[in-house]
C-alpha atoms as a PDB file:
ATOM      1  CA  MET A   1      -3.510  17.183  11.251  1.00  0.00           C
ATOM      2  CA  ILE A   2      -4.659  13.581  10.902  1.00  0.00           C
ATOM      3  CA  GLN A   3      -8.355  12.695  10.803  1.00  0.00           C
ATOM      4  CA  ARG A   4      -9.524   9.121  11.434  1.00  0.00           C
ATOM      5  CA  MET A   5     -13.002   7.757  10.670  1.00  0.00           C
ATOM      6  CA  GLU A   6     -14.795   4.507  11.455  1.00  0.00           C
ATOM      7  CA  THR A   7     -12.218   3.685  14.089  1.00  0.00           C
ATOM      8  CA  ASN A   8     -12.172   0.716  16.442  1.00  0.00           C
ATOM      9  CA  GLN A   9      -9.571  -0.726  18.820  1.00  0.00           C
ATOM     10  CA  ARG A  10      -7.549  -2.172  15.919  1.00  0.00           C
ATOM     11  CA  MET A  11      -7.812   0.167  12.956  1.00  0.00           C
ATOM     12  CA  SER A  12      -9.492   3.001  11.099  1.00  0.00           C
ATOM     13  CA  GLN A  13     -11.417   2.450   7.887  1.00  0.00           C
ATOM     14  CA  VAL A  14     -10.443   5.940   6.683  1.00  0.00           C
ATOM     15  CA  VAL A  15      -7.430   8.122   7.504  1.00  0.00           C
ATOM     16  CA  ILE A  16      -7.034  11.613   6.048  1.00  0.00           C
ATOM     17  CA  HIS A  17      -3.663  13.353   6.179  1.00  0.00           C
ATOM     18  CA  GLY A  18      -3.186  16.553   4.243  1.00  0.00           C
ATOM     19  CA  ASN A  19      -4.867  16.063   0.869  1.00  0.00           C
ATOM     20  CA  THR A  20      -4.556  12.278   0.904  1.00  0.00           C
ATOM     21  CA  VAL A  21      -7.173   9.709   1.911  1.00  0.00           C
ATOM     22  CA  TYR A  22      -6.105   6.203   2.910  1.00  0.00           C
ATOM     23  CA  LEU A  23      -8.704   3.425   3.096  1.00  0.00           C
ATOM     24  CA  ALA A  24      -8.261   0.159   4.935  1.00  0.00           C
ATOM     25  CA  GLY A  25      -8.555  -2.935   2.782  1.00  0.00           C
ATOM     26  CA  GLN A  26     -12.225  -3.459   1.990  1.00  0.00           C
ATOM     27  CA  VAL A  27     -13.889  -6.853   1.807  1.00  0.00           C
ATOM     28  CA  ALA A  28     -17.452  -7.897   0.986  1.00  0.00           C
ATOM     29  CA  PHE A  29     -19.082  -7.752   4.416  1.00  0.00           C
ATOM     30  CA  ASP A  30     -22.493  -7.877   2.709  1.00  0.00           C
ATOM     31  CA  ALA A  31     -21.560 -10.781   0.405  1.00  0.00           C
ATOM     32  CA  PRO A  32     -19.359 -13.247   2.317  1.00  0.00           C
ATOM     33  CA  GLY A  33     -18.968 -16.520   0.438  1.00  0.00           C
ATOM     34  CA  ALA A  34     -20.392 -15.042  -2.779  1.00  0.00           C
ATOM     35  CA  SER A  35     -18.658 -15.089  -6.153  1.00  0.00           C
ATOM     36  CA  VAL A  36     -15.583 -12.936  -6.727  1.00  0.00           C
ATOM     37  CA  ALA A  37     -17.696 -10.690  -8.988  1.00  0.00           C
ATOM     38  CA  GLU A  38     -20.287 -10.122  -6.244  1.00  0.00           C
ATOM     39  CA  GLN A  39     -17.605  -9.630  -3.604  1.00  0.00           C
ATOM     40  CA  THR A  40     -15.801  -7.126  -5.831  1.00  0.00           C
ATOM     41  CA  LYS A  41     -19.048  -5.173  -6.341  1.00  0.00           C
ATOM     42  CA  ASP A  42     -19.649  -5.100  -2.590  1.00  0.00           C
ATOM     43  CA  ALA A  43     -16.082  -4.028  -1.737  1.00  0.00           C
ATOM     44  CA  LEU A  44     -16.225  -1.263  -4.366  1.00  0.00           C
ATOM     45  CA  ALA A  45     -19.557  -0.031  -2.967  1.00  0.00           C
ATOM     46  CA  ARG A  46     -17.906   0.209   0.466  1.00  0.00           C
ATOM     47  CA  ILE A  47     -15.014   2.115  -1.131  1.00  0.00           C
ATOM     48  CA  ASP A  48     -17.443   4.551  -2.773  1.00  0.00           C
ATOM     49  CA  LYS A  49     -19.135   5.083   0.602  1.00  0.00           C
ATOM     50  CA  PHE A  50     -15.889   5.733   2.479  1.00  0.00           C
ATOM     51  CA  LEU A  51     -14.496   8.015  -0.237  1.00  0.00           C
ATOM     52  CA  ALA A  52     -17.704  10.084  -0.121  1.00  0.00           C
ATOM     53  CA  GLN A  53     -17.509  10.210   3.672  1.00  0.00           C
ATOM     54  CA  ALA A  54     -13.966  11.581   3.335  1.00  0.00           C
ATOM     55  CA  GLY A  55     -15.043  14.176   0.767  1.00  0.00           C
ATOM     56  CA  THR A  56     -13.673  12.617  -2.416  1.00  0.00           C
ATOM     57  CA  ASP A  57     -14.585  10.015  -5.034  1.00  0.00           C
ATOM     58  CA  LYS A  58     -13.163   7.362  -7.352  1.00  0.00           C
ATOM     59  CA  SER A  59     -12.084   9.956  -9.923  1.00  0.00           C
ATOM     60  CA  LYS A  60      -9.353  10.946  -7.455  1.00  0.00           C
ATOM     61  CA  LEU A  61      -7.808   7.475  -6.972  1.00  0.00           C
ATOM     62  CA  LEU A  62      -4.021   7.456  -6.712  1.00  0.00           C
ATOM     63  CA  SER A  63      -3.302   3.828  -5.891  1.00  0.00           C
ATOM     64  CA  ALA A  64      -5.121   0.520  -5.488  1.00  0.00           C
ATOM     65  CA  THR A  65      -3.908  -2.768  -4.082  1.00  0.00           C
ATOM     66  CA  ILE A  66      -6.049  -5.832  -4.736  1.00  0.00           C
ATOM     67  CA  TRP A  67      -5.612  -9.164  -3.024  1.00  0.00           C
ATOM     68  CA  LEU A  68      -7.293 -12.257  -4.484  1.00  0.00           C
ATOM     69  CA  SER A  69      -7.457 -15.584  -2.658  1.00  0.00           C
ATOM     70  CA  ASP A  70      -7.158 -17.239  -6.109  1.00  0.00           C
ATOM     71  CA  ILE A  71      -5.380 -15.409  -8.943  1.00  0.00           C
ATOM     72  CA  GLY A  72      -7.437 -17.583 -11.297  1.00  0.00           C
ATOM     73  CA  THR A  73     -10.331 -15.173 -10.584  1.00  0.00           C
ATOM     74  CA  PHE A  74      -8.326 -12.202 -11.931  1.00  0.00           C
ATOM     75  CA  ASP A  75     -10.509 -11.797 -15.048  1.00  0.00           C
ATOM     76  CA  GLU A  76     -13.744 -12.080 -13.033  1.00  0.00           C
ATOM     77  CA  MET A  77     -12.598  -9.346 -10.639  1.00  0.00           C
ATOM     78  CA  ASN A  78     -11.305  -7.167 -13.507  1.00  0.00           C
ATOM     79  CA  ALA A  79     -14.661  -7.284 -15.315  1.00  0.00           C
ATOM     80  CA  ILE A  80     -16.238  -5.555 -12.303  1.00  0.00           C
ATOM     81  CA  TRP A  81     -13.254  -3.261 -11.639  1.00  0.00           C
ATOM     82  CA  ASP A  82     -13.107  -2.082 -15.280  1.00  0.00           C
ATOM     83  CA  ALA A  83     -16.812  -1.160 -15.234  1.00  0.00           C
ATOM     84  CA  TRP A  84     -16.371   0.736 -11.927  1.00  0.00           C
ATOM     85  CA  VAL A  85     -13.116   2.654 -12.329  1.00  0.00           C
ATOM     86  CA  SER A  86     -13.439   6.261 -13.515  1.00  0.00           C
ATOM     87  CA  PRO A  87     -12.374   6.432 -17.206  1.00  0.00           C
ATOM     88  CA  GLY A  88      -9.195   8.435 -17.615  1.00  0.00           C
ATOM     89  CA  ASN A  89      -8.532   8.323 -13.864  1.00  0.00           C
ATOM     90  CA  GLN A  90      -7.160   4.810 -13.420  1.00  0.00           C
ATOM     91  CA  PRO A  91      -4.872   4.561 -10.375  1.00  0.00           C
ATOM     92  CA  ALA A  92      -1.503   2.898 -10.080  1.00  0.00           C
ATOM     93  CA  ARG A  93      -2.490  -0.675  -9.190  1.00  0.00           C
ATOM     94  CA  ALA A  94      -1.126  -3.953  -7.943  1.00  0.00           C
ATOM     95  CA  CYS A  95      -3.015  -7.246  -7.806  1.00  0.00           C
ATOM     96  CA  VAL A  96      -1.642 -10.328  -6.065  1.00  0.00           C
ATOM     97  CA  GLU A  97      -2.774 -13.723  -4.843  1.00  0.00           C
ATOM     98  CA  SER A  98      -2.838 -13.980  -1.073  1.00  0.00           C
ATOM     99  CA  LYS A  99      -4.496 -15.909   1.706  1.00  0.00           C
ATOM    100  CA  LEU A 100      -7.023 -13.479   3.209  1.00  0.00           C
ATOM    101  CA  ALA A 101      -7.882 -13.081   6.889  1.00  0.00           C
ATOM    102  CA  ALA A 102     -11.134 -15.076   6.683  1.00  0.00           C
ATOM    103  CA  PRO A 103     -12.007 -17.912   4.272  1.00  0.00           C
ATOM    104  CA  GLN A 104     -15.379 -16.436   3.251  1.00  0.00           C
ATOM    105  CA  PHE A 105     -13.615 -13.503   1.564  1.00  0.00           C
ATOM    106  CA  ASN A 106     -12.034 -13.910  -1.859  1.00  0.00           C
ATOM    107  CA  VAL A 107     -11.103 -10.312  -2.669  1.00  0.00           C
ATOM    108  CA  GLU A 108      -9.816  -7.346  -0.665  1.00  0.00           C
ATOM    109  CA  ILE A 109      -9.154  -3.871  -2.067  1.00  0.00           C
ATOM    110  CA  GLY A 110      -7.065  -1.097  -0.507  1.00  0.00           C
ATOM    111  CA  ILE A 111      -7.244   2.453  -1.870  1.00  0.00           C
ATOM    112  CA  ILE A 112      -5.311   5.713  -1.606  1.00  0.00           C
ATOM    113  CA  ALA A 113      -7.015   8.808  -3.057  1.00  0.00           C
ATOM    114  CA  ALA A 114      -6.577  12.557  -3.261  1.00  0.00           C
ATOM    115  CA  LEU A 115      -8.984  15.076  -1.805  1.00  0.00           C
ATOM    116  CA  ASP A 116      -8.517  17.586  -4.623  1.00  0.00           C
END
């Protein structure tokens, strides 16, 4: 069985299959144009919300993919990420520089997590 949440004509924000939760890449909808630190905080708050909606939390992260519009902001993003990630439960992670879908966004974070 596959469960989809927050679905529109293009995508789902959350997909649950078996004991795995897949989140769409999250951007700072509440902080467009803000600093990378503020955008990271906002994207992580959205991730927390969607994980809770799916019945899990950041202590169950399996994988994270982070896209930065400027890899020069890597340390700024990491300062927020390091304070947020559950100690002892760090996921496998990749971080790359990439042009994002809209110029007001500087960071996007995709997550895969377990339900149990």
